[in-house]
Every structure is written in C-alpha cells, then in structure tokens.
Full PDB file with SEQRES, HELIX, SHEET, SSBOND, CRYST1, ORIGX, SCALE, CONECT and MASTER records, all heavy atoms in Angstrom:
SEQRES   1 A   30  SER THR PRO VAL ASP PRO PRO ALA ALA CYS ARG LEU SER          
SEQRES   2 A   30  GLY ARG CYS PRO ILE GLU GLN PRO VAL CYS SER THR ARG          
SEQRES   3 A   30  ASP MET PRO LEU                                              
HELIX    1 AA1 PRO A   21  SER A   24  5                                   4    
CRYST1    1.000    1.000    1.000  90.00  90.00  90.00 P 1           1          
ORIGX1      1.000000  0.000000  0.000000        0.00000                         
ORIGX2      0.000000  1.000000  0.000000        0.00000                         
ORIGX3      0.000000  0.000000  1.000000        0.00000                         
SCALE1      1.000000  0.000000  0.000000        0.00000                         
SCALE2      0.000000  1.000000  0.000000        0.00000                         
SCALE3      0.000000  0.000000  1.000000        0.00000                         
ATOM      1  N   SER A   1       0.789  -1.182   0.018  1.00  0.00           N  
ATOM      2  CA  SER A   1      -0.015   0.005   0.000  1.00  0.00           C  
ATOM      3  C   SER A   1       0.835   1.247   0.007  1.00  0.00           C  
ATOM      4  O   SER A   1       2.017   1.252   0.435  1.00  0.00           O  
ATOM      5  CB  SER A   1      -0.921  -0.006   1.242  1.00  0.00           C  
ATOM      6  OG  SER A   1      -1.739  -1.172   1.233  1.00  0.00           O  
ATOM      7  N   THR A   2       0.290   2.362  -0.480  1.00  0.00           N  
ATOM      8  CA  THR A   2       1.026   3.566  -0.443  1.00  0.00           C  
ATOM      9  C   THR A   2       1.056   4.141   0.962  1.00  0.00           C  
ATOM     10  O   THR A   2       0.052   4.146   1.699  1.00  0.00           O  
ATOM     11  CB  THR A   2       0.431   4.685  -1.358  1.00  0.00           C  
ATOM     12  OG1 THR A   2       1.024   5.883  -1.157  1.00  0.00           O  
ATOM     13  CG2 THR A   2      -1.030   4.788  -1.135  1.00  0.00           C  
ATOM     14  N   PRO A   3       2.161   4.766   1.429  1.00  0.00           N  
ATOM     15  CA  PRO A   3       2.220   5.362   2.770  1.00  0.00           C  
ATOM     16  C   PRO A   3       1.497   6.669   2.816  1.00  0.00           C  
ATOM     17  O   PRO A   3       1.324   7.219   3.932  1.00  0.00           O  
ATOM     18  CB  PRO A   3       3.715   5.536   2.994  1.00  0.00           C  
ATOM     19  CG  PRO A   3       4.362   5.637   1.653  1.00  0.00           C  
ATOM     20  CD  PRO A   3       3.549   4.658   0.781  1.00  0.00           C  
ATOM     21  N   VAL A   4       1.003   7.171   1.680  1.00  0.00           N  
ATOM     22  CA  VAL A   4       0.185   8.357   1.668  1.00  0.00           C  
ATOM     23  C   VAL A   4      -1.231   8.041   2.153  1.00  0.00           C  
ATOM     24  O   VAL A   4      -1.880   8.846   2.821  1.00  0.00           O  
ATOM     25  CB  VAL A   4       0.083   8.965   0.252  1.00  0.00           C  
ATOM     26  CG1 VAL A   4      -0.869  10.153   0.255  1.00  0.00           C  
ATOM     27  CG2 VAL A   4       1.495   9.486  -0.205  1.00  0.00           C  
ATOM     28  N   ASP A   5      -1.652   6.818   1.848  1.00  0.00           N  
ATOM     29  CA  ASP A   5      -2.991   6.353   2.314  1.00  0.00           C  
ATOM     30  C   ASP A   5      -2.947   4.959   2.788  1.00  0.00           C  
ATOM     31  O   ASP A   5      -3.434   3.992   2.194  1.00  0.00           O  
ATOM     32  CB  ASP A   5      -4.014   6.448   1.160  1.00  0.00           C  
ATOM     33  CG  ASP A   5      -5.447   6.199   1.557  1.00  0.00           C  
ATOM     34  OD1 ASP A   5      -5.717   6.370   2.700  1.00  0.00           O  
ATOM     35  OD2 ASP A   5      -6.172   5.749   0.706  1.00  0.00           O  
ATOM     36  N   PRO A   6      -2.218   4.682   3.915  1.00  0.00           N  
ATOM     37  CA  PRO A   6      -2.045   3.319   4.376  1.00  0.00           C  
ATOM     38  C   PRO A   6      -3.355   2.819   4.975  1.00  0.00           C  
ATOM     39  O   PRO A   6      -4.242   3.576   5.366  1.00  0.00           O  
ATOM     40  CB  PRO A   6      -0.960   3.465   5.545  1.00  0.00           C  
ATOM     41  CG  PRO A   6      -1.172   4.904   6.056  1.00  0.00           C  
ATOM     42  CD  PRO A   6      -1.605   5.678   4.779  1.00  0.00           C  
ATOM     43  N   PRO A   7      -3.478   1.491   5.165  1.00  0.00           N  
ATOM     44  CA  PRO A   7      -4.666   0.917   5.741  1.00  0.00           C  
ATOM     45  C   PRO A   7      -4.909   1.519   7.146  1.00  0.00           C  
ATOM     46  O   PRO A   7      -3.937   1.682   7.924  1.00  0.00           O  
ATOM     47  CB  PRO A   7      -4.365  -0.594   5.822  1.00  0.00           C  
ATOM     48  CG  PRO A   7      -3.428  -0.818   4.717  1.00  0.00           C  
ATOM     49  CD  PRO A   7      -2.526   0.460   4.615  1.00  0.00           C  
ATOM     50  N   ALA A   8      -6.173   1.803   7.486  1.00  0.00           N  
ATOM     51  CA  ALA A   8      -6.419   2.435   8.712  1.00  0.00           C  
ATOM     52  C   ALA A   8      -6.222   1.565   9.920  1.00  0.00           C  
ATOM     53  O   ALA A   8      -5.948   2.048  11.031  1.00  0.00           O  
ATOM     54  CB  ALA A   8      -7.944   2.872   8.722  1.00  0.00           C  
ATOM     55  N   ALA A   9      -6.249   0.257   9.799  1.00  0.00           N  
ATOM     56  CA  ALA A   9      -6.082  -0.625  10.929  1.00  0.00           C  
ATOM     57  C   ALA A   9      -4.840  -1.390  10.749  1.00  0.00           C  
ATOM     58  O   ALA A   9      -3.740  -0.797  10.778  1.00  0.00           O  
ATOM     59  CB  ALA A   9      -7.278  -1.568  10.996  1.00  0.00           C  
ATOM     60  N   CYS A  10      -4.836  -2.681  10.574  1.00  0.00           N  
ATOM     61  CA  CYS A  10      -3.544  -3.485  10.319  1.00  0.00           C  
ATOM     62  C   CYS A  10      -2.981  -3.021   9.009  1.00  0.00           C  
ATOM     63  O   CYS A  10      -3.608  -2.980   8.015  1.00  0.00           O  
ATOM     64  CB  CYS A  10      -3.890  -4.977  10.306  1.00  0.00           C  
ATOM     65  SG  CYS A  10      -2.443  -5.944   9.924  1.00  0.00           S  
ATOM     66  N   ARG A  11      -1.623  -2.736   9.034  1.00  0.00           N  
ATOM     67  CA  ARG A  11      -0.950  -2.266   7.831  1.00  0.00           C  
ATOM     68  C   ARG A  11      -0.909  -3.308   6.760  1.00  0.00           C  
ATOM     69  O   ARG A  11      -0.807  -2.970   5.570  1.00  0.00           O  
ATOM     70  CB  ARG A  11       0.506  -1.870   8.186  1.00  0.00           C  
ATOM     71  CG  ARG A  11       0.521  -0.521   8.951  1.00  0.00           C  
ATOM     72  CD  ARG A  11       0.167   0.590   8.032  1.00  0.00           C  
ATOM     73  NE  ARG A  11       0.569   1.890   8.475  1.00  0.00           N  
ATOM     74  CZ  ARG A  11      -0.166   2.757   9.138  1.00  0.00           C  
ATOM     75  NH1 ARG A  11      -1.464   2.399   9.414  1.00  0.00           N  
ATOM     76  NH2 ARG A  11       0.213   3.952   9.570  1.00  0.00           N  
ATOM     77  N   LEU A  12      -1.022  -4.588   7.113  1.00  0.00           N  
ATOM     78  CA  LEU A  12      -0.988  -5.661   6.103  1.00  0.00           C  
ATOM     79  C   LEU A  12      -2.368  -6.068   5.571  1.00  0.00           C  
ATOM     80  O   LEU A  12      -2.470  -6.996   4.768  1.00  0.00           O  
ATOM     81  CB  LEU A  12      -0.312  -6.835   6.713  1.00  0.00           C  
ATOM     82  CG  LEU A  12       0.387  -7.871   5.762  1.00  0.00           C  
ATOM     83  CD1 LEU A  12       1.451  -7.211   4.965  1.00  0.00           C  
ATOM     84  CD2 LEU A  12       0.884  -9.060   6.469  1.00  0.00           C  
ATOM     85  N   SER A  13      -3.357  -5.307   5.988  1.00  0.00           N  
ATOM     86  CA  SER A  13      -4.704  -5.600   5.593  1.00  0.00           C  
ATOM     87  C   SER A  13      -4.847  -5.571   4.059  1.00  0.00           C  
ATOM     88  O   SER A  13      -4.346  -4.660   3.462  1.00  0.00           O  
ATOM     89  CB  SER A  13      -5.718  -4.606   6.209  1.00  0.00           C  
ATOM     90  OG  SER A  13      -7.043  -4.835   5.826  1.00  0.00           O  
ATOM     91  N   GLY A  14      -5.479  -6.569   3.506  1.00  0.00           N  
ATOM     92  CA  GLY A  14      -5.635  -6.651   2.012  1.00  0.00           C  
ATOM     93  C   GLY A  14      -4.507  -7.444   1.341  1.00  0.00           C  
ATOM     94  O   GLY A  14      -4.678  -7.892   0.195  1.00  0.00           O  
ATOM     95  N   ARG A  15      -3.461  -7.784   2.144  1.00  0.00           N  
ATOM     96  CA  ARG A  15      -2.337  -8.571   1.571  1.00  0.00           C  
ATOM     97  C   ARG A  15      -2.104  -9.905   2.417  1.00  0.00           C  
ATOM     98  O   ARG A  15      -1.407 -10.763   1.898  1.00  0.00           O  
ATOM     99  CB  ARG A  15      -1.113  -7.796   1.526  1.00  0.00           C  
ATOM    100  CG  ARG A  15      -1.090  -6.476   0.801  1.00  0.00           C  
ATOM    101  CD  ARG A  15       0.289  -5.900   0.622  1.00  0.00           C  
ATOM    102  NE  ARG A  15       1.092  -6.756  -0.238  1.00  0.00           N  
ATOM    103  CZ  ARG A  15       2.435  -6.719  -0.250  1.00  0.00           C  
ATOM    104  NH1 ARG A  15       3.108  -5.964   0.608  1.00  0.00           N  
ATOM    105  NH2 ARG A  15       3.155  -7.472  -1.072  1.00  0.00           N  
ATOM    106  N   CYS A  16      -2.619  -9.882   3.564  1.00  0.00           N  
ATOM    107  CA  CYS A  16      -2.250 -10.984   4.486  1.00  0.00           C  
ATOM    108  C   CYS A  16      -2.954 -12.342   4.162  1.00  0.00           C  
ATOM    109  O   CYS A  16      -4.137 -12.397   3.834  1.00  0.00           O  
ATOM    110  CB  CYS A  16      -2.684 -10.557   5.889  1.00  0.00           C  
ATOM    111  SG  CYS A  16      -2.286 -11.758   7.196  1.00  0.00           S  
ATOM    112  N   PRO A  17      -2.161 -13.419   4.205  1.00  0.00           N  
ATOM    113  CA  PRO A  17      -2.725 -14.738   3.863  1.00  0.00           C  
ATOM    114  C   PRO A  17      -3.615 -15.316   4.930  1.00  0.00           C  
ATOM    115  O   PRO A  17      -4.399 -16.278   4.706  1.00  0.00           O  
ATOM    116  CB  PRO A  17      -1.452 -15.634   3.695  1.00  0.00           C  
ATOM    117  CG  PRO A  17      -0.414 -14.958   4.535  1.00  0.00           C  
ATOM    118  CD  PRO A  17      -0.748 -13.491   4.428  1.00  0.00           C  
ATOM    119  N   ILE A  18      -3.686 -14.766   6.175  1.00  0.00           N  
ATOM    120  CA  ILE A  18      -4.539 -15.219   7.228  1.00  0.00           C  
ATOM    121  C   ILE A  18      -5.514 -14.132   7.685  1.00  0.00           C  
ATOM    122  O   ILE A  18      -6.013 -14.178   8.834  1.00  0.00           O  
ATOM    123  CB  ILE A  18      -3.778 -15.819   8.399  1.00  0.00           C  
ATOM    124  CG1 ILE A  18      -2.842 -14.729   8.973  1.00  0.00           C  
ATOM    125  CG2 ILE A  18      -2.949 -17.018   7.997  1.00  0.00           C  
ATOM    126  CD1 ILE A  18      -2.280 -15.080  10.354  1.00  0.00           C  
ATOM    127  N   GLU A  19      -5.766 -13.127   6.896  1.00  0.00           N  
ATOM    128  CA  GLU A  19      -6.582 -12.009   7.314  1.00  0.00           C  
ATOM    129  C   GLU A  19      -7.965 -12.407   7.728  1.00  0.00           C  
ATOM    130  O   GLU A  19      -8.607 -13.270   7.142  1.00  0.00           O  
ATOM    131  CB  GLU A  19      -6.677 -10.931   6.167  1.00  0.00           C  
ATOM    132  CG  GLU A  19      -7.423  -9.725   6.493  1.00  0.00           C  
ATOM    133  CD  GLU A  19      -7.277  -8.600   5.519  1.00  0.00           C  
ATOM    134  OE1 GLU A  19      -6.458  -8.837   4.543  1.00  0.00           O  
ATOM    135  OE2 GLU A  19      -7.924  -7.564   5.699  1.00  0.00           O  
ATOM    136  N   GLN A  20      -8.398 -11.786   8.859  1.00  0.00           N  
ATOM    137  CA  GLN A  20      -9.780 -11.955   9.403  1.00  0.00           C  
ATOM    138  C   GLN A  20     -10.491 -10.669   9.266  1.00  0.00           C  
ATOM    139  O   GLN A  20      -9.898  -9.558   9.126  1.00  0.00           O  
ATOM    140  CB  GLN A  20      -9.645 -12.396  10.863  1.00  0.00           C  
ATOM    141  CG  GLN A  20      -8.755 -13.552  11.169  1.00  0.00           C  
ATOM    142  CD  GLN A  20      -9.384 -14.849  10.512  1.00  0.00           C  
ATOM    143  OE1 GLN A  20     -10.537 -15.007  10.532  1.00  0.00           O  
ATOM    144  NE2 GLN A  20      -8.492 -15.658   9.865  1.00  0.00           N  
ATOM    145  N   PRO A  21     -11.839 -10.661   9.320  1.00  0.00           N  
ATOM    146  CA  PRO A  21     -12.642  -9.441   9.274  1.00  0.00           C  
ATOM    147  C   PRO A  21     -12.090  -8.282  10.130  1.00  0.00           C  
ATOM    148  O   PRO A  21     -12.198  -7.110   9.738  1.00  0.00           O  
ATOM    149  CB  PRO A  21     -14.064  -9.857   9.486  1.00  0.00           C  
ATOM    150  CG  PRO A  21     -14.096 -11.334   9.083  1.00  0.00           C  
ATOM    151  CD  PRO A  21     -12.756 -11.845   9.486  1.00  0.00           C  
ATOM    152  N   VAL A  22     -11.746  -8.684  11.310  1.00  0.00           N  
ATOM    153  CA  VAL A  22     -11.392  -7.623  12.297  1.00  0.00           C  
ATOM    154  C   VAL A  22     -10.103  -6.941  11.857  1.00  0.00           C  
ATOM    155  O   VAL A  22      -9.867  -5.809  12.320  1.00  0.00           O  
ATOM    156  CB  VAL A  22     -11.161  -8.281  13.716  1.00  0.00           C  
ATOM    157  CG1 VAL A  22      -9.932  -9.189  13.748  1.00  0.00           C  
ATOM    158  CG2 VAL A  22     -11.081  -7.177  14.762  1.00  0.00           C  
ATOM    159  N   CYS A  23      -9.291  -7.538  11.094  1.00  0.00           N  
ATOM    160  CA  CYS A  23      -7.996  -6.938  10.640  1.00  0.00           C  
ATOM    161  C   CYS A  23      -8.119  -5.567   9.883  1.00  0.00           C  
ATOM    162  O   CYS A  23      -7.225  -4.753   9.909  1.00  0.00           O  
ATOM    163  CB  CYS A  23      -7.213  -7.894   9.837  1.00  0.00           C  
ATOM    164  SG  CYS A  23      -6.830  -9.429  10.715  1.00  0.00           S  
ATOM    165  N   SER A  24      -9.233  -5.427   9.187  1.00  0.00           N  
ATOM    166  CA  SER A  24      -9.425  -4.208   8.412  1.00  0.00           C  
ATOM    167  C   SER A  24     -10.161  -3.114   9.247  1.00  0.00           C  
ATOM    168  O   SER A  24     -10.322  -1.968   8.771  1.00  0.00           O  
ATOM    169  CB  SER A  24     -10.249  -4.524   7.217  1.00  0.00           C  
ATOM    170  OG  SER A  24     -11.513  -5.038   7.567  1.00  0.00           O  
ATOM    171  N   THR A  25     -10.526  -3.401  10.483  1.00  0.00           N  
ATOM    172  CA  THR A  25     -11.250  -2.376  11.259  1.00  0.00           C  
ATOM    173  C   THR A  25     -10.576  -2.002  12.590  1.00  0.00           C  
ATOM    174  O   THR A  25     -10.861  -0.977  13.158  1.00  0.00           O  
ATOM    175  CB  THR A  25     -12.641  -2.942  11.566  1.00  0.00           C  
ATOM    176  OG1 THR A  25     -12.536  -4.152  12.398  1.00  0.00           O  
ATOM    177  CG2 THR A  25     -13.453  -3.203  10.301  1.00  0.00           C  
ATOM    178  N   ARG A  26      -9.628  -2.889  13.055  1.00  0.00           N  
ATOM    179  CA  ARG A  26      -9.045  -2.677  14.380  1.00  0.00           C  
ATOM    180  C   ARG A  26      -7.542  -2.532  14.285  1.00  0.00           C  
ATOM    181  O   ARG A  26      -6.878  -3.309  13.579  1.00  0.00           O  
ATOM    182  CB  ARG A  26      -9.356  -3.844  15.336  1.00  0.00           C  
ATOM    183  CG  ARG A  26      -9.145  -3.518  16.814  1.00  0.00           C  
ATOM    184  CD  ARG A  26      -9.509  -4.693  17.654  1.00  0.00           C  
ATOM    185  NE  ARG A  26      -8.486  -5.748  17.590  1.00  0.00           N  
ATOM    186  CZ  ARG A  26      -8.674  -6.959  18.062  1.00  0.00           C  
ATOM    187  NH1 ARG A  26      -9.818  -7.292  18.675  1.00  0.00           N  
ATOM    188  NH2 ARG A  26      -7.698  -7.836  18.001  1.00  0.00           N  
ATOM    189  N   ASP A  27      -7.003  -1.551  14.986  1.00  0.00           N  
ATOM    190  CA  ASP A  27      -5.545  -1.424  15.065  1.00  0.00           C  
ATOM    191  C   ASP A  27      -4.901  -2.633  15.724  1.00  0.00           C  
ATOM    192  O   ASP A  27      -5.534  -3.291  16.597  1.00  0.00           O  
ATOM    193  CB  ASP A  27      -5.195  -0.140  15.834  1.00  0.00           C  
ATOM    194  CG  ASP A  27      -3.739   0.246  15.628  1.00  0.00           C  
ATOM    195  OD1 ASP A  27      -3.052  -0.247  14.743  1.00  0.00           O  
ATOM    196  OD2 ASP A  27      -3.249   1.040  16.436  1.00  0.00           O  
ATOM    197  N   MET A  28      -3.663  -3.006  15.260  1.00  0.00           N  
ATOM    198  CA  MET A  28      -3.032  -4.188  15.789  1.00  0.00           C  
ATOM    199  C   MET A  28      -1.727  -3.744  16.481  1.00  0.00           C  
ATOM    200  O   MET A  28      -0.657  -3.667  15.877  1.00  0.00           O  
ATOM    201  CB  MET A  28      -2.726  -5.159  14.647  1.00  0.00           C  
ATOM    202  CG  MET A  28      -3.948  -5.612  13.904  1.00  0.00           C  
ATOM    203  SD  MET A  28      -5.019  -6.578  14.928  1.00  0.00           S  
ATOM    204  CE  MET A  28      -6.383  -6.894  13.846  1.00  0.00           C  
ATOM    205  N   PRO A  29      -1.794  -3.463  17.732  1.00  0.00           N  
ATOM    206  CA  PRO A  29      -0.518  -3.071  18.545  1.00  0.00           C  
ATOM    207  C   PRO A  29       0.320  -4.243  18.783  1.00  0.00           C  
ATOM    208  O   PRO A  29      -0.096  -5.453  18.714  1.00  0.00           O  
ATOM    209  CB  PRO A  29      -1.066  -2.516  19.832  1.00  0.00           C  
ATOM    210  CG  PRO A  29      -2.379  -3.238  20.052  1.00  0.00           C  
ATOM    211  CD  PRO A  29      -2.969  -3.420  18.679  1.00  0.00           C  
ATOM    212  N   LEU A  30       1.594  -4.026  19.096  1.00  0.00           N  
ATOM    213  CA  LEU A  30       2.539  -5.068  19.416  1.00  0.00           C  
ATOM    214  C   LEU A  30       2.131  -5.695  20.712  1.00  0.00           C  
ATOM    215  O   LEU A  30       1.777  -5.029  21.724  1.00  0.00           O  
ATOM    216  CB  LEU A  30       3.930  -4.539  19.557  1.00  0.00           C  
ATOM    217  CG  LEU A  30       4.629  -4.182  18.210  1.00  0.00           C  
ATOM    218  CD1 LEU A  30       5.941  -3.405  18.520  1.00  0.00           C  
ATOM    219  CD2 LEU A  30       5.013  -5.443  17.447  1.00  0.00           C  
TER     220      LEU A  30                                                      
MASTER        0    0    0    1    0    0    0    6  219    1    0    3          
END                                                                             
C-alpha cells in the first residue's frame, strides 16, 4: 500500500494470507 493512504487498521490488511474481518477495522498493537 502507499504510505500516503495506508490501511487504517492493520498495515498488512488486504495482503495478509490469514486475514480476518477484524483486521481491516481494528488497530493491531505489538
């Protein structure tokens, strides 16, 4: 993704092989 408009939640959202629905809506802290 472009760093000008990165995913709002998990940065890997849309590319991740194990992505779950929550990954596109919730931030993922360490």
